[in-house]
PDB file of N, CA and C in Angstrom:
ATOM      1  N   MET A   1    -115.836 -17.039-196.716  1.00  0.00           N
ATOM      2  CA  MET A   1    -114.634 -16.204-196.708  1.00  0.00           C
ATOM      3  C   MET A   1    -114.924 -14.951-197.508  1.00  0.00           C
ATOM      4  N   PHE A   2    -114.487 -13.836-197.004  1.00  0.00           N
ATOM      5  CA  PHE A   2    -114.681 -12.555-197.665  1.00  0.00           C
ATOM      6  C   PHE A   2    -113.515 -12.355-198.617  1.00  0.00           C
ATOM      7  N   PRO A   3    -113.756 -12.147-199.899  1.00  0.00           N
ATOM      8  CA  PRO A   3    -112.655 -12.058-200.858  1.00  0.00           C
ATOM      9  C   PRO A   3    -111.805 -10.818-200.643  1.00  0.00           C
ATOM     10  N   ARG A   4    -110.490 -10.986-200.666  1.00  0.00           N
ATOM     11  CA  ARG A   4    -109.581  -9.841-200.570  1.00  0.00           C
ATOM     12  C   ARG A   4    -109.444  -9.231-201.955  1.00  0.00           C
ATOM     13  N   GLY A   5    -109.546  -7.920-201.985  1.00  0.00           N
ATOM     14  CA  GLY A   5    -109.371  -7.244-203.260  1.00  0.00           C
ATOM     15  C   GLY A   5    -110.495  -7.516-204.231  1.00  0.00           C
ATOM     16  N   GLY A   6    -111.691  -7.785-203.727  1.00  0.00           N
ATOM     17  CA  GLY A   6    -112.832  -8.115-204.577  1.00  0.00           C
ATOM     18  C   GLY A   6    -113.181  -6.986-205.512  1.00  0.00           C
ATOM     19  N   GLY A   7    -113.802  -7.332-206.619  1.00  0.00           N
ATOM     20  CA  GLY A   7    -114.150  -6.361-207.637  1.00  0.00           C
ATOM     21  C   GLY A   7    -115.400  -5.573-207.331  1.00  0.00           C
ATOM     22  N   SER A   8    -116.083  -5.805-206.212  1.00  0.00           N
ATOM     23  CA  SER A   8    -117.332  -5.116-205.943  1.00  0.00           C
ATOM     24  C   SER A   8    -117.126  -3.733-205.331  1.00  0.00           C
ATOM     25  N   CYS A   9    -115.908  -3.358-205.004  1.00  0.00           N
ATOM     26  CA  CYS A   9    -115.657  -2.043-204.398  1.00  0.00           C
ATOM     27  C   CYS A   9    -115.691  -0.962-205.469  1.00  0.00           C
ATOM     28  N   ARG A  10    -116.159   0.209-205.047  1.00  0.00           N
ATOM     29  CA  ARG A  10    -116.047   1.363-205.932  1.00  0.00           C
ATOM     30  C   ARG A  10    -114.578   1.756-205.990  1.00  0.00           C
ATOM     31  N   VAL A  11    -114.187   2.406-207.080  1.00  0.00           N
ATOM     32  CA  VAL A  11    -112.820   2.889-207.209  1.00  0.00           C
ATOM     33  C   VAL A  11    -112.564   3.895-206.088  1.00  0.00           C
ATOM     34  N   GLY A  12    -111.428   3.772-205.440  1.00  0.00           N
ATOM     35  CA  GLY A  12    -111.067   4.702-204.394  1.00  0.00           C
ATOM     36  C   GLY A  12    -111.596   4.347-203.024  1.00  0.00           C
ATOM     37  N   THR A  13    -112.109   3.133-202.855  1.00  0.00           N
ATOM     38  CA  THR A  13    -112.559   2.702-201.532  1.00  0.00           C
ATOM     39  C   THR A  13    -112.015   1.320-201.232  1.00  0.00           C
ATOM     40  N   VAL A  14    -111.962   1.011-199.945  1.00  0.00           N
ATOM     41  CA  VAL A  14    -111.677  -0.353-199.506  1.00  0.00           C
ATOM     42  C   VAL A  14    -112.943  -0.854-198.830  1.00  0.00           C
ATOM     43  N   GLN A  15    -113.170  -2.130-198.948  1.00  0.00           N
ATOM     44  CA  GLN A  15    -114.388  -2.733-198.405  1.00  0.00           C
ATOM     45  C   GLN A  15    -114.004  -3.870-197.479  1.00  0.00           C
ATOM     46  N   PHE A  16    -114.738  -3.990-196.382  1.00  0.00           N
ATOM     47  CA  PHE A  16    -114.453  -5.059-195.433  1.00  0.00           C
ATOM     48  C   PHE A  16    -115.715  -5.426-194.686  1.00  0.00           C
ATOM     49  N   ARG A  17    -115.678  -6.608-194.094  1.00  0.00           N
ATOM     50  CA  ARG A  17    -116.803  -7.122-193.314  1.00  0.00           C
ATOM     51  C   ARG A  17    -116.566  -6.808-191.841  1.00  0.00           C
ATOM     52  N   VAL A  18    -117.619  -6.353-191.170  1.00  0.00           N
ATOM     53  CA  VAL A  18    -117.581  -6.085-189.737  1.00  0.00           C
ATOM     54  C   VAL A  18    -118.497  -7.090-189.063  1.00  0.00           C
ATOM     55  N   CYS A  19    -117.975  -7.850-188.111  1.00  0.00           N
ATOM     56  CA  CYS A  19    -118.752  -8.853-187.377  1.00  0.00           C
ATOM     57  C   CYS A  19    -118.953  -8.366-185.945  1.00  0.00           C
ATOM     58  N   PHE A  20    -120.193  -8.435-185.483  1.00  0.00           N
ATOM     59  CA  PHE A  20    -120.541  -8.009-184.131  1.00  0.00           C
ATOM     60  C   PHE A  20    -120.793  -9.245-183.274  1.00  0.00           C
ATOM     61  N   PHE A  21    -120.310  -9.220-182.040  1.00  0.00           N
ATOM     62  CA  PHE A  21    -120.469 -10.360-181.148  1.00  0.00           C
ATOM     63  C   PHE A  21    -121.153  -9.943-179.853  1.00  0.00           C
ATOM     64  N   ALA A  22    -121.900 -10.891-179.271  1.00  0.00           N
ATOM     65  CA  ALA A  22    -122.525 -10.759-177.950  1.00  0.00           C
ATOM     66  C   ALA A  22    -123.337  -9.470-177.858  1.00  0.00           C
ATOM     67  N   ARG A  23    -123.068  -8.643-176.858  1.00  0.00           N
ATOM     68  CA  ARG A  23    -123.829  -7.403-176.638  1.00  0.00           C
ATOM     69  C   ARG A  23    -123.722  -6.465-177.837  1.00  0.00           C
ATOM     70  N   GLY A  24    -122.596  -6.466-178.508  1.00  0.00           N
ATOM     71  CA  GLY A  24    -122.430  -5.649-179.713  1.00  0.00           C
ATOM     72  C   GLY A  24    -123.426  -6.026-180.791  1.00  0.00           C
ATOM     73  N   ARG A  25    -123.682  -7.307-180.943  1.00  0.00           N
ATOM     74  CA  ARG A  25    -124.672  -7.790-181.915  1.00  0.00           C
ATOM     75  C   ARG A  25    -126.065  -7.285-181.532  1.00  0.00           C
ATOM     76  N   GLU A  26    -126.383  -7.347-180.242  1.00  0.00           N
ATOM     77  CA  GLU A  26    -127.690  -6.858-179.779  1.00  0.00           C
ATOM     78  C   GLU A  26    -127.848  -5.362-180.059  1.00  0.00           C
ATOM     79  N   LEU A  27    -126.826  -4.593-179.752  1.00  0.00           N
ATOM     80  CA  LEU A  27    -126.906  -3.143-179.920  1.00  0.00           C
ATOM     81  C   LEU A  27    -126.922  -2.722-181.384  1.00  0.00           C
ATOM     82  N   ALA A  28    -126.170  -3.438-182.228  1.00  0.00           N
ATOM     83  CA  ALA A  28    -126.160  -3.122-183.653  1.00  0.00           C
ATOM     84  C   ALA A  28    -127.424  -3.607-184.348  1.00  0.00           C
ATOM     85  N   GLY A  29    -128.039  -4.654-183.800  1.00  0.00           N
ATOM     86  CA  GLY A  29    -129.237  -5.204-184.419  1.00  0.00           C
ATOM     87  C   GLY A  29    -128.937  -6.124-185.584  1.00  0.00           C
ATOM     88  N   CYS A  30    -127.669  -6.519-185.729  1.00  0.00           N
ATOM     89  CA  CYS A  30    -127.296  -7.443-186.802  1.00  0.00           C
ATOM     90  C   CYS A  30    -125.995  -8.133-186.404  1.00  0.00           C
ATOM     91  N   ALA A  31    -125.708  -9.238-187.077  1.00  0.00           N
ATOM     92  CA  ALA A  31    -124.488  -9.996-186.796  1.00  0.00           C
ATOM     93  C   ALA A  31    -123.295  -9.470-187.576  1.00  0.00           C
ATOM     94  N   GLU A  32    -123.555  -8.877-188.734  1.00  0.00           N
ATOM     95  CA  GLU A  32    -122.451  -8.365-189.533  1.00  0.00           C
ATOM     96  C   GLU A  32    -122.937  -7.278-190.480  1.00  0.00           C
ATOM     97  N   ALA A  33    -121.979  -6.504-190.971  1.00  0.00           N
ATOM     98  CA  ALA A  33    -122.251  -5.437-191.925  1.00  0.00           C
ATOM     99  C   ALA A  33    -121.051  -5.335-192.854  1.00  0.00           C
ATOM    100  N   VAL A  34    -121.266  -4.804-194.019  1.00  0.00           N
ATOM    101  CA  VAL A  34    -120.182  -4.530-194.950  1.00  0.00           C
ATOM    102  C   VAL A  34    -120.007  -3.022-195.007  1.00  0.00           C
ATOM    103  N   GLU A  35    -118.781  -2.577-194.846  1.00  0.00           N
ATOM    104  CA  GLU A  35    -118.466  -1.150-194.849  1.00  0.00           C
ATOM    105  C   GLU A  35    -117.450  -0.842-195.933  1.00  0.00           C
ATOM    106  N   SER A  36    -117.553   0.346-196.499  1.00  0.00           N
ATOM    107  CA  SER A  36    -116.576   0.869-197.448  1.00  0.00           C
ATOM    108  C   SER A  36    -116.049   2.189-196.921  1.00  0.00           C
ATOM    109  N   MET A  37    -114.737   2.373-197.060  1.00  0.00           N
ATOM    110  CA  MET A  37    -114.099   3.600-196.598  1.00  0.00           C
ATOM    111  C   MET A  37    -112.955   3.934-197.548  1.00  0.00           C
ATOM    112  N   PRO A  38    -112.440   5.151-197.473  1.00  0.00           N
ATOM    113  CA  PRO A  38    -111.297   5.510-198.317  1.00  0.00           C
ATOM    114  C   PRO A  38    -110.056   4.700-197.952  1.00  0.00           C
ATOM    115  N   PRO A  39    -109.180   4.444-198.916  1.00  0.00           N
ATOM    116  CA  PRO A  39    -107.916   3.770-198.606  1.00  0.00           C
ATOM    117  C   PRO A  39    -107.163   4.533-197.528  1.00  0.00           C
ATOM    118  N   GLY A  40    -106.487   3.816-196.648  1.00  0.00           N
ATOM    119  CA  GLY A  40    -105.725   4.430-195.570  1.00  0.00           C
ATOM    120  C   GLY A  40    -106.539   4.666-194.306  1.00  0.00           C
ATOM    121  N   SER A  41    -107.832   4.312-194.329  1.00  0.00           N
ATOM    122  CA  SER A  41    -108.670   4.478-193.135  1.00  0.00           C
ATOM    123  C   SER A  41    -108.209   3.516-192.051  1.00  0.00           C
ATOM    124  N   CYS A  42    -108.366   3.945-190.804  1.00  0.00           N
ATOM    125  CA  CYS A  42    -107.919   3.124-189.685  1.00  0.00           C
ATOM    126  C   CYS A  42    -109.102   2.701-188.817  1.00  0.00           C
ATOM    127  N   VAL A  43    -108.816   1.854-187.853  1.00  0.00           N
ATOM    128  CA  VAL A  43    -109.841   1.294-186.970  1.00  0.00           C
ATOM    129  C   VAL A  43    -110.632   2.391-186.275  1.00  0.00           C
ATOM    130  N   LYS A  44    -109.967   3.423-185.748  1.00  0.00           N
ATOM    131  CA  LYS A  44    -110.706   4.463-185.032  1.00  0.00           C
ATOM    132  C   LYS A  44    -111.670   5.198-185.953  1.00  0.00           C
ATOM    133  N   GLU A  45    -111.329   5.362-187.226  1.00  0.00           N
ATOM    134  CA  GLU A  45    -112.246   5.985-188.185  1.00  0.00           C
ATOM    135  C   GLU A  45    -113.436   5.078-188.465  1.00  0.00           C
ATOM    136  N   LEU A  46    -113.167   3.783-188.565  1.00  0.00           N
ATOM    137  CA  LEU A  46    -114.253   2.825-188.735  1.00  0.00           C
ATOM    138  C   LEU A  46    -115.201   2.872-187.545  1.00  0.00           C
ATOM    139  N   LEU A  47    -114.648   2.903-186.342  1.00  0.00           N
ATOM    140  CA  LEU A  47    -115.500   2.944-185.156  1.00  0.00           C
ATOM    141  C   LEU A  47    -116.395   4.183-185.168  1.00  0.00           C
ATOM    142  N   GLY A  48    -115.849   5.321-185.553  1.00  0.00           N
ATOM    143  CA  GLY A  48    -116.663   6.533-185.657  1.00  0.00           C
ATOM    144  C   GLY A  48    -117.816   6.337-186.620  1.00  0.00           C
ATOM    145  N   LYS A  49    -117.532   5.712-187.755  1.00  0.00           N
ATOM    146  CA  LYS A  49    -118.581   5.443-188.740  1.00  0.00           C
ATOM    147  C   LYS A  49    -119.623   4.471-188.184  1.00  0.00           C
ATOM    148  N   LEU A  50    -119.162   3.435-187.489  1.00  0.00           N
ATOM    149  CA  LEU A  50    -120.095   2.462-186.915  1.00  0.00           C
ATOM    150  C   LEU A  50    -120.951   3.092-185.820  1.00  0.00           C
ATOM    151  N   PHE A  51    -120.377   3.983-185.013  1.00  0.00           N
ATOM    152  CA  PHE A  51    -121.157   4.646-183.964  1.00  0.00           C
ATOM    153  C   PHE A  51    -122.232   5.544-184.570  1.00  0.00           C
ATOM    154  N   ARG A  52    -121.957   6.117-185.737  1.00  0.00           N
ATOM    155  CA  ARG A  52    -122.989   6.920-186.418  1.00  0.00           C
ATOM    156  C   ARG A  52    -124.061   6.025-187.037  1.00  0.00           C
ATOM    157  N   ARG A  53    -123.638   4.910-187.631  1.00  0.00           N
ATOM    158  CA  ARG A  53    -124.594   4.005-188.283  1.00  0.00           C
ATOM    159  C   ARG A  53    -125.419   3.225-187.262  1.00  0.00           C
ATOM    160  N   PHE A  54    -124.780   2.813-186.168  1.00  0.00           N
ATOM    161  CA  PHE A  54    -125.438   2.033-185.114  1.00  0.00           C
ATOM    162  C   PHE A  54    -125.269   2.793-183.792  1.00  0.00           C
ATOM    163  N   PRO A  55    -126.051   3.838-183.561  1.00  0.00           N
ATOM    164  CA  PRO A  55    -125.832   4.711-182.400  1.00  0.00           C
ATOM    165  C   PRO A  55    -125.869   4.004-181.050  1.00  0.00           C
ATOM    166  N   ARG A  56    -126.572   2.914-180.948  1.00  0.00           N
ATOM    167  CA  ARG A  56    -126.631   2.198-179.662  1.00  0.00           C
ATOM    168  C   ARG A  56    -125.280   1.586-179.290  1.00  0.00           C
ATOM    169  N   LEU A  57    -124.400   1.370-180.261  1.00  0.00           N
ATOM    170  CA  LEU A  57    -123.064   0.827-179.980  1.00  0.00           C
ATOM    171  C   LEU A  57    -122.226   1.756-179.108  1.00  0.00           C
ATOM    172  N   VAL A  58    -122.567   3.034-179.087  1.00  0.00           N
ATOM    173  CA  VAL A  58    -121.807   4.002-178.294  1.00  0.00           C
ATOM    174  C   VAL A  58    -121.733   3.554-176.834  1.00  0.00           C
ATOM    175  N   GLU A  59    -122.731   2.807-176.391  1.00  0.00           N
ATOM    176  CA  GLU A  59    -122.741   2.271-175.020  1.00  0.00           C
ATOM    177  C   GLU A  59    -121.453   1.505-174.700  1.00  0.00           C
ATOM    178  N   LEU A  60    -120.856   0.873-175.710  1.00  0.00           N
ATOM    179  CA  LEU A  60    -119.649   0.052-175.518  1.00  0.00           C
ATOM    180  C   LEU A  60    -118.357   0.798-175.850  1.00  0.00           C
ATOM    181  N   ARG A  61    -118.462   2.055-176.213  1.00  0.00           N
ATOM    182  CA  ARG A  61    -117.338   2.829-176.741  1.00  0.00           C
ATOM    183  C   ARG A  61    -116.053   2.687-175.920  1.00  0.00           C
ATOM    184  N   LYS A  62    -116.158   2.744-174.617  1.00  0.00           N
ATOM    185  CA  LYS A  62    -114.955   2.754-173.774  1.00  0.00           C
ATOM    186  C   LYS A  62    -114.421   1.366-173.449  1.00  0.00           C
ATOM    187  N   SER A  63    -115.168   0.320-173.787  1.00  0.00           N
ATOM    188  CA  SER A  63    -114.736  -1.001-173.341  1.00  0.00           C
ATOM    189  C   SER A  63    -114.613  -2.052-174.436  1.00  0.00           C
ATOM    190  N   LEU A  64    -114.980  -1.730-175.660  1.00  0.00           N
ATOM    191  CA  LEU A  64    -114.925  -2.786-176.674  1.00  0.00           C
ATOM    192  C   LEU A  64    -113.513  -2.993-177.190  1.00  0.00           C
ATOM    193  N   ARG A  65    -113.283  -4.178-177.724  1.00  0.00           N
ATOM    194  CA  ARG A  65    -112.009  -4.537-178.361  1.00  0.00           C
ATOM    195  C   ARG A  65    -112.282  -4.749-179.833  1.00  0.00           C
ATOM    196  N   VAL A  66    -111.276  -4.520-180.641  1.00  0.00           N
ATOM    197  CA  VAL A  66    -111.404  -4.688-182.083  1.00  0.00           C
ATOM    198  C   VAL A  66    -110.303  -5.629-182.553  1.00  0.00           C
ATOM    199  N   ALA A  67    -110.710  -6.632-183.311  1.00  0.00           N
ATOM    200  CA  ALA A  67    -109.746  -7.531-183.940  1.00  0.00           C
ATOM    201  C   ALA A  67    -109.860  -7.366-185.453  1.00  0.00           C
ATOM    202  N   VAL A  68    -108.720  -7.373-186.104  1.00  0.00           N
ATOM    203  CA  VAL A  68    -108.676  -7.385-187.564  1.00  0.00           C
ATOM    204  C   VAL A  68    -108.045  -8.710-187.925  1.00  0.00           C
ATOM    205  N   GLY A  69    -108.806  -9.537-188.622  1.00  0.00           N
ATOM    206  CA  GLY A  69    -108.368 -10.910-188.825  1.00  0.00           C
ATOM    207  C   GLY A  69    -108.419 -11.620-187.488  1.00  0.00           C
ATOM    208  N   LEU A  70    -107.326 -12.192-187.057  1.00  0.00           N
ATOM    209  CA  LEU A  70    -107.283 -12.930-185.797  1.00  0.00           C
ATOM    210  C   LEU A  70    -106.604 -12.169-184.662  1.00  0.00           C
ATOM    211  N   ASP A  71    -106.149 -10.953-184.929  1.00  0.00           N
ATOM    212  CA  ASP A  71    -105.353 -10.221-183.941  1.00  0.00           C
ATOM    213  C   ASP A  71    -106.063  -8.968-183.455  1.00  0.00           C
ATOM    214  N   TYR A  72    -106.003  -8.715-182.136  1.00  0.00           N
ATOM    215  CA  TYR A  72    -106.496  -7.459-181.587  1.00  0.00           C
ATOM    216  C   TYR A  72    -105.652  -6.326-182.151  1.00  0.00           C
ATOM    217  N   GLN A  73    -106.310  -5.205-182.433  1.00  0.00           N
ATOM    218  CA  GLN A  73    -105.602  -4.072-183.019  1.00  0.00           C
ATOM    219  C   GLN A  73    -105.946  -2.779-182.292  1.00  0.00           C
ATOM    220  N   SER A  74    -105.045  -1.816-182.381  1.00  0.00           N
ATOM    221  CA  SER A  74    -105.279  -0.484-181.816  1.00  0.00           C
ATOM    222  C   SER A  74    -106.069   0.342-182.826  1.00  0.00           C
ATOM    223  N   GLY A  75    -106.477   1.508-182.391  1.00  0.00           N
ATOM    224  CA  GLY A  75    -107.237   2.406-183.260  1.00  0.00           C
ATOM    225  C   GLY A  75    -106.454   2.901-184.454  1.00  0.00           C
ATOM    226  N   ASP A  76    -105.125   2.824-184.407  1.00  0.00           N
ATOM    227  CA  ASP A  76    -104.286   3.312-185.503  1.00  0.00           C
ATOM    228  C   ASP A  76    -104.055   2.284-186.603  1.00  0.00           C
ATOM    229  N   CYS A  77    -104.554   1.077-186.425  1.00  0.00           N
ATOM    230  CA  CYS A  77    -104.358   0.022-187.433  1.00  0.00           C
ATOM    231  C   CYS A  77    -105.057   0.411-188.736  1.00  0.00           C
ATOM    232  N   VAL A  78    -104.312   0.444-189.825  1.00  0.00           N
ATOM    233  CA  VAL A  78    -104.868   0.776-191.137  1.00  0.00           C
ATOM    234  C   VAL A  78    -105.563  -0.457-191.708  1.00  0.00           C
ATOM    235  N   LEU A  79    -106.793  -0.245-192.165  1.00  0.00           N
ATOM    236  CA  LEU A  79    -107.594  -1.342-192.724  1.00  0.00           C
ATOM    237  C   LEU A  79    -107.279  -1.525-194.200  1.00  0.00           C
ATOM    238  N   ARG A  80    -107.307  -2.793-194.620  1.00  0.00           N
ATOM    239  CA  ARG A  80    -107.040  -3.130-196.016  1.00  0.00           C
ATOM    240  C   ARG A  80    -108.275  -3.748-196.644  1.00  0.00           C
ATOM    241  N   ASP A  81    -108.381  -3.635-197.930  1.00  0.00           N
ATOM    242  CA  ASP A  81    -109.500  -4.208-198.665  1.00  0.00           C
ATOM    243  C   ASP A  81    -109.630  -5.691-198.333  1.00  0.00           C
ATOM    244  N   GLY A  82    -110.838  -6.105-197.962  1.00  0.00           N
ATOM    245  CA  GLY A  82    -111.104  -7.499-197.669  1.00  0.00           C
ATOM    246  C   GLY A  82    -110.895  -7.908-196.222  1.00  0.00           C
ATOM    247  N   ASP A  83    -110.429  -6.991-195.363  1.00  0.00           N
ATOM    248  CA  ASP A  83    -110.240  -7.332-193.949  1.00  0.00           C
ATOM    249  C   ASP A  83    -111.568  -7.738-193.313  1.00  0.00           C
ATOM    250  N   GLU A  84    -111.482  -8.615-192.321  1.00  0.00           N
ATOM    251  CA  GLU A  84    -112.628  -8.941-191.480  1.00  0.00           C
ATOM    252  C   GLU A  84    -112.357  -8.332-190.117  1.00  0.00           C
ATOM    253  N   VAL A  85    -113.249  -7.443-189.696  1.00  0.00           N
ATOM    254  CA  VAL A  85    -113.093  -6.711-188.455  1.00  0.00           C
ATOM    255  C   VAL A  85    -114.128  -7.231-187.460  1.00  0.00           C
ATOM    256  N   SER A  86    -113.675  -7.628-186.275  1.00  0.00           N
ATOM    257  CA  SER A  86    -114.567  -8.134-185.240  1.00  0.00           C
ATOM    258  C   SER A  86    -114.694  -7.098-184.131  1.00  0.00           C
ATOM    259  N   ILE A  87    -115.947  -6.809-183.760  1.00  0.00           N
ATOM    260  CA  ILE A  87    -116.252  -5.883-182.676  1.00  0.00           C
ATOM    261  C   ILE A  87    -116.614  -6.741-181.466  1.00  0.00           C
ATOM    262  N   LEU A  88    -115.774  -6.697-180.441  1.00  0.00           N
ATOM    263  CA  LEU A  88    -115.907  -7.580-179.295  1.00  0.00           C
ATOM    264  C   LEU A  88    -116.134  -6.783-178.025  1.00  0.00           C
ATOM    265  N   PRO A  89    -117.301  -6.949-177.414  1.00  0.00           N
ATOM    266  CA  PRO A  89    -117.549  -6.266-176.141  1.00  0.00           C
ATOM    267  C   PRO A  89    -116.772  -6.962-175.022  1.00  0.00           C
ATOM    268  N   PRO A  90    -116.709  -6.315-173.857  1.00  0.00           N
ATOM    269  CA  PRO A  90    -116.016  -6.962-172.739  1.00  0.00           C
ATOM    270  C   PRO A  90    -116.713  -8.258-172.363  1.00  0.00           C
ATOM    271  N   THR A  91    -115.921  -9.192-171.872  1.00  0.00           N
ATOM    272  CA  THR A  91    -116.497 -10.474-171.432  1.00  0.00           C
ATOM    273  C   THR A  91    -116.158 -10.701-169.973  1.00  0.00           C
ATOM    274  N   GLN A  92    -116.966 -11.494-169.358  1.00  0.00           N
ATOM    275  CA  GLN A  92    -116.708 -11.875-167.961  1.00  0.00           C
ATOM    276  C   GLN A  92    -116.558 -13.375-167.925  1.00  0.00           C
ATOM    277  N   GLY A  93    -115.678 -13.823-167.107  1.00  0.00           N
ATOM    278  CA  GLY A  93    -115.459 -15.268-166.963  1.00  0.00           C
ATOM    279  C   GLY A  93    -115.488 -15.659-165.509  1.00  0.00           C
ATOM    280  N   GLY A  94    -115.446 -16.927-165.324  1.00  0.00           N
ATOM    281  CA  GLY A  94    -115.453 -17.336-163.935  1.00  0.00           C
ATOM    282  C   GLY A  94    -115.091 -18.774-163.782  1.00  0.00           C
TER     283      GLY A  94
END
């Protein structure tokens, strides 16, 4: 479990874990990352940062879904210290 409000953040930032799944994991080259951003940052700002850090993720830009905790969220969702953000590429079923 990622601690909420953990003491490892620098003053003036929020920290959260980003988990990559399926094709997103392949493109990022890792299963998870820890990111820090200014308070009040939202999902769309995080995605911009992730696309710069992991440029191959841009391939999924138009089709990925983002969950914060257990719920899918829009780009306007404000992130809080300790959130777990999941990057989910499109899936196919049958």
